[in-house]
Amino acid sequence: MITIRRSDERGYADHGWLRSYHSFSFADYYDPAHMGFGNLRVINEDRIAPGTGFGTHGHRDMEIVSYVLDGALAHQDSMGHGASITPGEVQRMSAGTGVRHSEFNHAPDRETHFLQIWILPRERGIAPGYEQKRFDDADKRGRLKLVAAPDGRDGAVTIHADAAIHAGLFDGDEAAALPIRPGRLAYVHVARGEVDVNGRPLRAGDAAMLQGEAQVALARGRGAEVLVFDLAP
């Protein structure tokens, strides 16, 4: 079964300095039909205005992945990490027993556009951790590149959750397929452009939720950047 959710069906919040689309219930947006999918709990598509950002705040017992699409995201945390995350980089922060951090767009004239992703961890109360890696466009062109996995295989960042994230770029005749193991769920988020998912046309912000399907098949991309999640039910 494939369920399509269109971009304009998501929750939306405009805080002036931040414009955010919520794929699942988050903050003041509540929809009991969309509380998450498997162990995927949050996908927020955030746009941060120049010179603004999220002040220091806390998290615990969550695997948090940031995927920057445009601009730069400056990160500082209570573990002593400070970094700038730019397009092509994937950041993983394990909140565990508790971590505080801030995220800012220090550019004077450029918006930061990124995806904030939360996945429920395998176990609570682990030590907080941080990891950041770059994945070049060539590694994602016409294929699904593993960027996050429980064992950090193939150069992916290591997440402490029963989930894996693949990223791909697709144009024209480029196509790729990812098998879905029996009992697993798959979630496809189109970050930009257009692409067919198992024959269904999706545009930027759209998502496909797959249950009981044998594979995720991507084709007929038009400037598409896509994230595919392999998830525990």
C-alpha atoms as a PDB file:
ATOM      1  CA  MET A   1       0.000   0.000   0.000  1.00  0.00           C
ATOM      2  CA  ILE A   2       1.234   3.475  -0.900  1.00  0.00           C
ATOM      3  CA  THR A   3      -0.207   6.568   0.755  1.00  0.00           C
ATOM      4  CA  ILE A   4       0.621   9.956  -0.750  1.00  0.00           C
ATOM      5  CA  ARG A   5       0.635  13.112   1.345  1.00  0.00           C
ATOM      6  CA  ARG A   6       0.918  16.369  -0.574  1.00  0.00           C
ATOM      7  CA  SER A   7       3.042  19.299   0.481  1.00  0.00           C
ATOM      8  CA  ASP A   8       0.077  21.592   1.158  1.00  0.00           C
ATOM      9  CA  GLU A   9      -1.491  19.035   3.505  1.00  0.00           C
ATOM     10  CA  ARG A  10       1.341  19.482   6.024  1.00  0.00           C
ATOM     11  CA  GLY A  11       1.149  21.706   9.068  1.00  0.00           C
ATOM     12  CA  TYR A  12       2.593  25.207   8.651  1.00  0.00           C
ATOM     13  CA  ALA A  13       3.876  27.868  11.030  1.00  0.00           C
ATOM     14  CA  ASP A  14       5.138  31.364  10.200  1.00  0.00           C
ATOM     15  CA  HIS A  15       7.062  32.946  13.076  1.00  0.00           C
ATOM     16  CA  GLY A  16       8.501  35.761  10.983  1.00  0.00           C
ATOM     17  CA  TRP A  17      12.122  34.706  11.429  1.00  0.00           C
ATOM     18  CA  LEU A  18      11.174  31.057  10.801  1.00  0.00           C
ATOM     19  CA  ARG A  19       8.809  29.483   8.295  1.00  0.00           C
ATOM     20  CA  SER A  20       8.273  25.776   8.901  1.00  0.00           C
ATOM     21  CA  TYR A  21       6.279  22.957   7.305  1.00  0.00           C
ATOM     22  CA  HIS A  22       5.556  20.007   9.612  1.00  0.00           C
ATOM     23  CA  SER A  23       5.097  16.550   8.094  1.00  0.00           C
ATOM     24  CA  PHE A  24       3.937  15.264  11.497  1.00  0.00           C
ATOM     25  CA  SER A  25       2.370  16.813  14.599  1.00  0.00           C
ATOM     26  CA  PHE A  26       4.810  19.270  16.131  1.00  0.00           C
ATOM     27  CA  ALA A  27       4.558  22.207  18.563  1.00  0.00           C
ATOM     28  CA  ASP A  28       1.200  23.959  17.956  1.00  0.00           C
ATOM     29  CA  TYR A  29       0.365  21.747  14.961  1.00  0.00           C
ATOM     30  CA  TYR A  30      -1.554  18.670  16.074  1.00  0.00           C
ATOM     31  CA  ASP A  31      -3.115  16.071  13.790  1.00  0.00           C
ATOM     32  CA  PRO A  32      -3.818  12.687  15.420  1.00  0.00           C
ATOM     33  CA  ALA A  33      -3.704  11.060  11.959  1.00  0.00           C
ATOM     34  CA  HIS A  34      -0.098  12.230  11.494  1.00  0.00           C
ATOM     35  CA  MET A  35       1.868  11.615  14.686  1.00  0.00           C
ATOM     36  CA  GLY A  36       4.766   9.934  12.890  1.00  0.00           C
ATOM     37  CA  PHE A  37       5.402   6.945  10.660  1.00  0.00           C
ATOM     38  CA  GLY A  38       7.010   3.919  12.241  1.00  0.00           C
ATOM     39  CA  ASN A  39       9.848   5.279  14.363  1.00  0.00           C
ATOM     40  CA  LEU A  40      10.123   8.457  12.266  1.00  0.00           C
ATOM     41  CA  ARG A  41       8.709  11.210  14.471  1.00  0.00           C
ATOM     42  CA  VAL A  42       9.546  14.580  12.855  1.00  0.00           C
ATOM     43  CA  ILE A  43      10.340  16.023   9.442  1.00  0.00           C
ATOM     44  CA  ASN A  44      10.273  19.801   9.591  1.00  0.00           C
ATOM     45  CA  GLU A  45      11.142  21.773   6.475  1.00  0.00           C
ATOM     46  CA  ASP A  46      12.554  24.972   7.984  1.00  0.00           C
ATOM     47  CA  ARG A  47      13.542  28.287   6.426  1.00  0.00           C
ATOM     48  CA  ILE A  48      15.485  30.571   8.773  1.00  0.00           C
ATOM     49  CA  ALA A  49      15.700  34.279   7.940  1.00  0.00           C
ATOM     50  CA  PRO A  50      19.143  35.946   7.740  1.00  0.00           C
ATOM     51  CA  GLY A  51      20.716  36.811  11.087  1.00  0.00           C
ATOM     52  CA  THR A  52      18.281  34.724  13.146  1.00  0.00           C
ATOM     53  CA  GLY A  53      17.946  31.210  14.524  1.00  0.00           C
ATOM     54  CA  PHE A  54      17.017  28.876  17.352  1.00  0.00           C
ATOM     55  CA  GLY A  55      18.417  29.991  20.693  1.00  0.00           C
ATOM     56  CA  THR A  56      19.876  27.484  23.136  1.00  0.00           C
ATOM     57  CA  HIS A  57      17.337  24.793  23.989  1.00  0.00           C
ATOM     58  CA  GLY A  58      17.346  21.201  25.198  1.00  0.00           C
ATOM     59  CA  HIS A  59      16.554  17.727  23.847  1.00  0.00           C
ATOM     60  CA  ARG A  60      16.740  14.221  25.233  1.00  0.00           C
ATOM     61  CA  ASP A  61      16.201  10.636  24.017  1.00  0.00           C
ATOM     62  CA  MET A  62      15.965  11.443  20.307  1.00  0.00           C
ATOM     63  CA  GLU A  63      18.142  10.924  17.224  1.00  0.00           C
ATOM     64  CA  ILE A  64      18.175  14.292  15.426  1.00  0.00           C
ATOM     65  CA  VAL A  65      19.400  14.580  11.833  1.00  0.00           C
ATOM     66  CA  SER A  66      19.876  17.899  10.018  1.00  0.00           C
ATOM     67  CA  TYR A  67      20.015  17.985   6.213  1.00  0.00           C
ATOM     68  CA  VAL A  68      20.787  21.401   4.721  1.00  0.00           C
ATOM     69  CA  LEU A  69      19.381  22.247   1.285  1.00  0.00           C
ATOM     70  CA  ASP A  70      20.540  25.857   0.933  1.00  0.00           C
ATOM     71  CA  GLY A  71      22.584  28.331   2.968  1.00  0.00           C
ATOM     72  CA  ALA A  72      24.401  27.349   6.144  1.00  0.00           C
ATOM     73  CA  LEU A  73      23.356  26.287   9.641  1.00  0.00           C
ATOM     74  CA  ALA A  74      25.665  27.203  12.523  1.00  0.00           C
ATOM     75  CA  HIS A  75      25.543  24.665  15.354  1.00  0.00           C
ATOM     76  CA  GLN A  76      26.766  24.970  18.975  1.00  0.00           C
ATOM     77  CA  ASP A  77      26.073  22.449  21.715  1.00  0.00           C
ATOM     78  CA  SER A  78      26.749  21.621  25.352  1.00  0.00           C
ATOM     79  CA  MET A  79      29.071  18.785  24.298  1.00  0.00           C
ATOM     80  CA  GLY A  80      31.530  21.378  22.989  1.00  0.00           C
ATOM     81  CA  HIS A  81      30.820  21.002  19.281  1.00  0.00           C
ATOM     82  CA  GLY A  82      30.663  24.013  17.011  1.00  0.00           C
ATOM     83  CA  ALA A  83      30.187  23.613  13.266  1.00  0.00           C
ATOM     84  CA  SER A  84      28.665  25.085  10.141  1.00  0.00           C
ATOM     85  CA  ILE A  85      26.467  22.656   8.230  1.00  0.00           C
ATOM     86  CA  THR A  86      26.208  23.321   4.491  1.00  0.00           C
ATOM     87  CA  PRO A  87      24.477  21.560   1.554  1.00  0.00           C
ATOM     88  CA  GLY A  88      25.842  18.057   1.094  1.00  0.00           C
ATOM     89  CA  GLU A  89      26.526  17.580   4.803  1.00  0.00           C
ATOM     90  CA  VAL A  90      24.515  15.427   7.188  1.00  0.00           C
ATOM     91  CA  GLN A  91      24.621  16.081  10.918  1.00  0.00           C
ATOM     92  CA  ARG A  92      23.529  13.572  13.552  1.00  0.00           C
ATOM     93  CA  MET A  93      23.022  14.560  17.159  1.00  0.00           C
ATOM     94  CA  SER A  94      22.067  11.893  19.696  1.00  0.00           C
ATOM     95  CA  ALA A  95      20.275  13.713  22.508  1.00  0.00           C
ATOM     96  CA  GLY A  96      20.377  10.722  24.887  1.00  0.00           C
ATOM     97  CA  THR A  97      20.444  11.713  28.546  1.00  0.00           C
ATOM     98  CA  GLY A  98      20.234  15.364  27.559  1.00  0.00           C
ATOM     99  CA  VAL A  99      21.934  17.973  25.392  1.00  0.00           C
ATOM    100  CA  ARG A 100      21.492  21.686  24.814  1.00  0.00           C
ATOM    101  CA  HIS A 101      22.228  23.360  21.487  1.00  0.00           C
ATOM    102  CA  SER A 102      21.558  26.357  19.268  1.00  0.00           C
ATOM    103  CA  GLU A 103      21.166  26.687  15.484  1.00  0.00           C
ATOM    104  CA  PHE A 104      21.645  29.974  13.643  1.00  0.00           C
ATOM    105  CA  ASN A 105      21.768  31.477  10.191  1.00  0.00           C
ATOM    106  CA  HIS A 106      24.544  34.060  10.470  1.00  0.00           C
ATOM    107  CA  ALA A 107      24.365  35.137   6.814  1.00  0.00           C
ATOM    108  CA  PRO A 108      23.300  38.789   6.435  1.00  0.00           C
ATOM    109  CA  ASP A 109      21.318  38.300   3.246  1.00  0.00           C
ATOM    110  CA  ARG A 110      20.663  34.600   2.629  1.00  0.00           C
ATOM    111  CA  GLU A 111      17.999  32.279   3.979  1.00  0.00           C
ATOM    112  CA  THR A 112      18.914  28.878   5.415  1.00  0.00           C
ATOM    113  CA  HIS A 113      16.700  26.061   4.142  1.00  0.00           C
ATOM    114  CA  PHE A 114      17.028  22.690   5.861  1.00  0.00           C
ATOM    115  CA  LEU A 115      15.240  19.556   7.003  1.00  0.00           C
ATOM    116  CA  GLN A 116      15.096  18.757  10.702  1.00  0.00           C
ATOM    117  CA  ILE A 117      14.480  15.036  11.243  1.00  0.00           C
ATOM    118  CA  TRP A 118      13.774  13.212  14.512  1.00  0.00           C
ATOM    119  CA  ILE A 119      13.868   9.423  14.853  1.00  0.00           C
ATOM    120  CA  LEU A 120      13.042   7.508  18.022  1.00  0.00           C
ATOM    121  CA  PRO A 121      16.161   5.781  19.418  1.00  0.00           C
ATOM    122  CA  ARG A 122      16.495   2.061  20.065  1.00  0.00           C
ATOM    123  CA  GLU A 123      17.037   2.740  23.747  1.00  0.00           C
ATOM    124  CA  ARG A 124      16.656   5.656  26.117  1.00  0.00           C
ATOM    125  CA  GLY A 125      19.336   7.125  28.330  1.00  0.00           C
ATOM    126  CA  ILE A 126      22.373   6.699  26.059  1.00  0.00           C
ATOM    127  CA  ALA A 127      25.309   9.117  26.221  1.00  0.00           C
ATOM    128  CA  PRO A 128      24.807  12.191  23.998  1.00  0.00           C
ATOM    129  CA  GLY A 129      26.824  12.192  20.772  1.00  0.00           C
ATOM    130  CA  TYR A 130      27.516  14.134  17.597  1.00  0.00           C
ATOM    131  CA  GLU A 131      28.654  13.331  14.062  1.00  0.00           C
ATOM    132  CA  GLN A 132      28.822  15.244  10.778  1.00  0.00           C
ATOM    133  CA  LYS A 133      29.829  14.042   7.302  1.00  0.00           C
ATOM    134  CA  ARG A 134      29.806  15.338   3.729  1.00  0.00           C
ATOM    135  CA  PHE A 135      28.247  13.445   0.824  1.00  0.00           C
ATOM    136  CA  ASP A 136      29.136  14.865  -2.579  1.00  0.00           C
ATOM    137  CA  ASP A 137      26.506  15.257  -5.307  1.00  0.00           C
ATOM    138  CA  ALA A 138      28.399  12.711  -7.425  1.00  0.00           C
ATOM    139  CA  ASP A 139      27.736  10.073  -4.738  1.00  0.00           C
ATOM    140  CA  LYS A 140      23.980  10.757  -4.897  1.00  0.00           C
ATOM    141  CA  ARG A 141      23.552  11.330  -8.629  1.00  0.00           C
ATOM    142  CA  GLY A 142      21.143   8.768 -10.094  1.00  0.00           C
ATOM    143  CA  ARG A 143      21.355   6.529  -7.026  1.00  0.00           C
ATOM    144  CA  LEU A 144      20.296   6.239  -3.409  1.00  0.00           C
ATOM    145  CA  LYS A 145      23.338   6.882  -1.238  1.00  0.00           C
ATOM    146  CA  LEU A 146      23.220   5.648   2.337  1.00  0.00           C
ATOM    147  CA  VAL A 147      23.798   8.692   4.565  1.00  0.00           C
ATOM    148  CA  ALA A 148      22.657   7.415   7.988  1.00  0.00           C
ATOM    149  CA  ALA A 149      22.521   3.871   9.390  1.00  0.00           C
ATOM    150  CA  PRO A 150      22.707   2.065  12.764  1.00  0.00           C
ATOM    151  CA  ASP A 151      26.132   0.604  11.981  1.00  0.00           C
ATOM    152  CA  GLY A 152      27.561   3.567  10.071  1.00  0.00           C
ATOM    153  CA  ARG A 153      28.268   1.296   7.114  1.00  0.00           C
ATOM    154  CA  ASP A 154      29.445   2.610   3.749  1.00  0.00           C
ATOM    155  CA  GLY A 155      30.588   5.861   5.326  1.00  0.00           C
ATOM    156  CA  ALA A 156      27.153   6.844   6.665  1.00  0.00           C
ATOM    157  CA  VAL A 157      26.702   8.696   9.934  1.00  0.00           C
ATOM    158  CA  THR A 158      25.768   6.355  12.792  1.00  0.00           C
ATOM    159  CA  ILE A 159      22.277   6.706  14.255  1.00  0.00           C
ATOM    160  CA  HIS A 160      21.212   4.867  17.394  1.00  0.00           C
ATOM    161  CA  ALA A 161      17.877   3.840  15.928  1.00  0.00           C
ATOM    162  CA  ASP A 162      16.420   1.022  13.862  1.00  0.00           C
ATOM    163  CA  ALA A 163      16.349   3.142  10.717  1.00  0.00           C
ATOM    164  CA  ALA A 164      18.403   4.087   7.684  1.00  0.00           C
ATOM    165  CA  ILE A 165      18.317   7.180   5.484  1.00  0.00           C
ATOM    166  CA  HIS A 166      19.251   7.277   1.785  1.00  0.00           C
ATOM    167  CA  ALA A 167      19.618  10.440  -0.311  1.00  0.00           C
ATOM    168  CA  GLY A 168      19.505  10.735  -4.097  1.00  0.00           C
ATOM    169  CA  LEU A 169      19.514  13.227  -6.966  1.00  0.00           C
ATOM    170  CA  PHE A 170      17.504  12.399 -10.086  1.00  0.00           C
ATOM    171  CA  ASP A 171      17.068  13.961 -13.515  1.00  0.00           C
ATOM    172  CA  GLY A 172      15.836  12.637 -16.840  1.00  0.00           C
ATOM    173  CA  ASP A 173      16.461   8.930 -17.345  1.00  0.00           C
ATOM    174  CA  GLU A 174      18.172   8.440 -13.974  1.00  0.00           C
ATOM    175  CA  ALA A 175      16.409   5.825 -11.853  1.00  0.00           C
ATOM    176  CA  ALA A 176      17.029   3.776  -8.720  1.00  0.00           C
ATOM    177  CA  ALA A 177      15.260   1.194  -6.581  1.00  0.00           C
ATOM    178  CA  LEU A 178      15.599   0.249  -2.934  1.00  0.00           C
ATOM    179  CA  PRO A 179      14.268  -3.125  -1.704  1.00  0.00           C
ATOM    180  CA  ILE A 180      11.990  -3.051   1.336  1.00  0.00           C
ATOM    181  CA  ARG A 181      12.469  -6.035   3.628  1.00  0.00           C
ATOM    182  CA  PRO A 182       9.305  -7.820   4.802  1.00  0.00           C
ATOM    183  CA  GLY A 183       7.829  -6.123   7.843  1.00  0.00           C
ATOM    184  CA  ARG A 184       9.667  -2.843   7.230  1.00  0.00           C
ATOM    185  CA  LEU A 185       8.220   0.544   6.335  1.00  0.00           C
ATOM    186  CA  ALA A 186       9.543   3.044   3.806  1.00  0.00           C
ATOM    187  CA  TYR A 187       8.980   6.788   3.747  1.00  0.00           C
ATOM    188  CA  VAL A 188       9.934   8.990   0.791  1.00  0.00           C
ATOM    189  CA  HIS A 189      10.292  12.767   1.168  1.00  0.00           C
ATOM    190  CA  VAL A 190      10.837  14.890  -1.943  1.00  0.00           C
ATOM    191  CA  ALA A 191      13.046  17.769  -0.809  1.00  0.00           C
ATOM    192  CA  ARG A 192      13.033  19.570  -4.162  1.00  0.00           C
ATOM    193  CA  GLY A 193      12.045  19.060  -7.787  1.00  0.00           C
ATOM    194  CA  GLU A 194       9.753  16.332  -9.090  1.00  0.00           C
ATOM    195  CA  VAL A 195      10.065  12.544  -9.285  1.00  0.00           C
ATOM    196  CA  ASP A 196       7.909   9.461  -9.779  1.00  0.00           C
ATOM    197  CA  VAL A 197       7.751   7.147  -6.746  1.00  0.00           C
ATOM    198  CA  ASN A 198       6.512   3.674  -7.684  1.00  0.00           C
ATOM    199  CA  GLY A 199       4.842   5.302 -10.669  1.00  0.00           C
ATOM    200  CA  ARG A 200       3.201   8.092  -8.659  1.00  0.00           C
ATOM    201  CA  PRO A 201       4.263  11.673  -9.527  1.00  0.00           C
ATOM    202  CA  LEU A 202       5.480  13.682  -6.506  1.00  0.00           C
ATOM    203  CA  ARG A 203       6.673  17.264  -6.183  1.00  0.00           C
ATOM    204  CA  ALA A 204       8.765  19.161  -3.636  1.00  0.00           C
ATOM    205  CA  GLY A 205       7.337  18.724  -0.138  1.00  0.00           C
ATOM    206  CA  ASP A 206       5.263  15.677  -1.087  1.00  0.00           C
ATOM    207  CA  ALA A 207       5.766  12.344   0.669  1.00  0.00           C
ATOM    208  CA  ALA A 208       4.954   8.690   0.054  1.00  0.00           C
ATOM    209  CA  MET A 209       4.382   6.186   2.860  1.00  0.00           C
ATOM    210  CA  LEU A 210       4.902   2.570   1.821  1.00  0.00           C
ATOM    211  CA  GLN A 211       3.628  -0.467   3.723  1.00  0.00           C
ATOM    212  CA  GLY A 212       3.785  -4.022   2.386  1.00  0.00           C
ATOM    213  CA  GLU A 213       5.583  -2.955  -0.794  1.00  0.00           C
ATOM    214  CA  ALA A 214       8.571  -4.842  -2.201  1.00  0.00           C
ATOM    215  CA  GLN A 215      10.600  -1.762  -3.124  1.00  0.00           C
ATOM    216  CA  VAL A 216      10.839   1.980  -3.536  1.00  0.00           C
ATOM    217  CA  ALA A 217      11.345   2.793  -7.222  1.00  0.00           C
ATOM    218  CA  LEU A 218      12.362   6.323  -8.282  1.00  0.00           C
ATOM    219  CA  ALA A 219      12.290   7.495 -11.912  1.00  0.00           C
ATOM    220  CA  ARG A 220      11.532  10.432 -14.219  1.00  0.00           C
ATOM    221  CA  GLY A 221      13.207  12.968 -11.954  1.00  0.00           C
ATOM    222  CA  ARG A 222      13.170  16.650 -12.769  1.00  0.00           C
ATOM    223  CA  GLY A 223      15.712  18.409 -10.574  1.00  0.00           C
ATOM    224  CA  ALA A 224      14.756  16.035  -7.755  1.00  0.00           C
ATOM    225  CA  GLU A 225      16.469  15.647  -4.409  1.00  0.00           C
ATOM    226  CA  VAL A 226      14.931  12.797  -2.427  1.00  0.00           C
ATOM    227  CA  LEU A 227      15.309  11.228   1.016  1.00  0.00           C
ATOM    228  CA  VAL A 228      14.212   7.616   1.485  1.00  0.00           C
ATOM    229  CA  PHE A 229      13.783   6.196   5.001  1.00  0.00           C
ATOM    230  CA  ASP A 230      13.927   2.493   5.864  1.00  0.00           C
ATOM    231  CA  LEU A 231      12.032   2.276   9.142  1.00  0.00           C
ATOM    232  CA  ALA A 232      10.989  -0.069  11.921  1.00  0.00           C
ATOM    233  CA  PRO A 233       7.206  -0.421  12.158  1.00  0.00           C
END
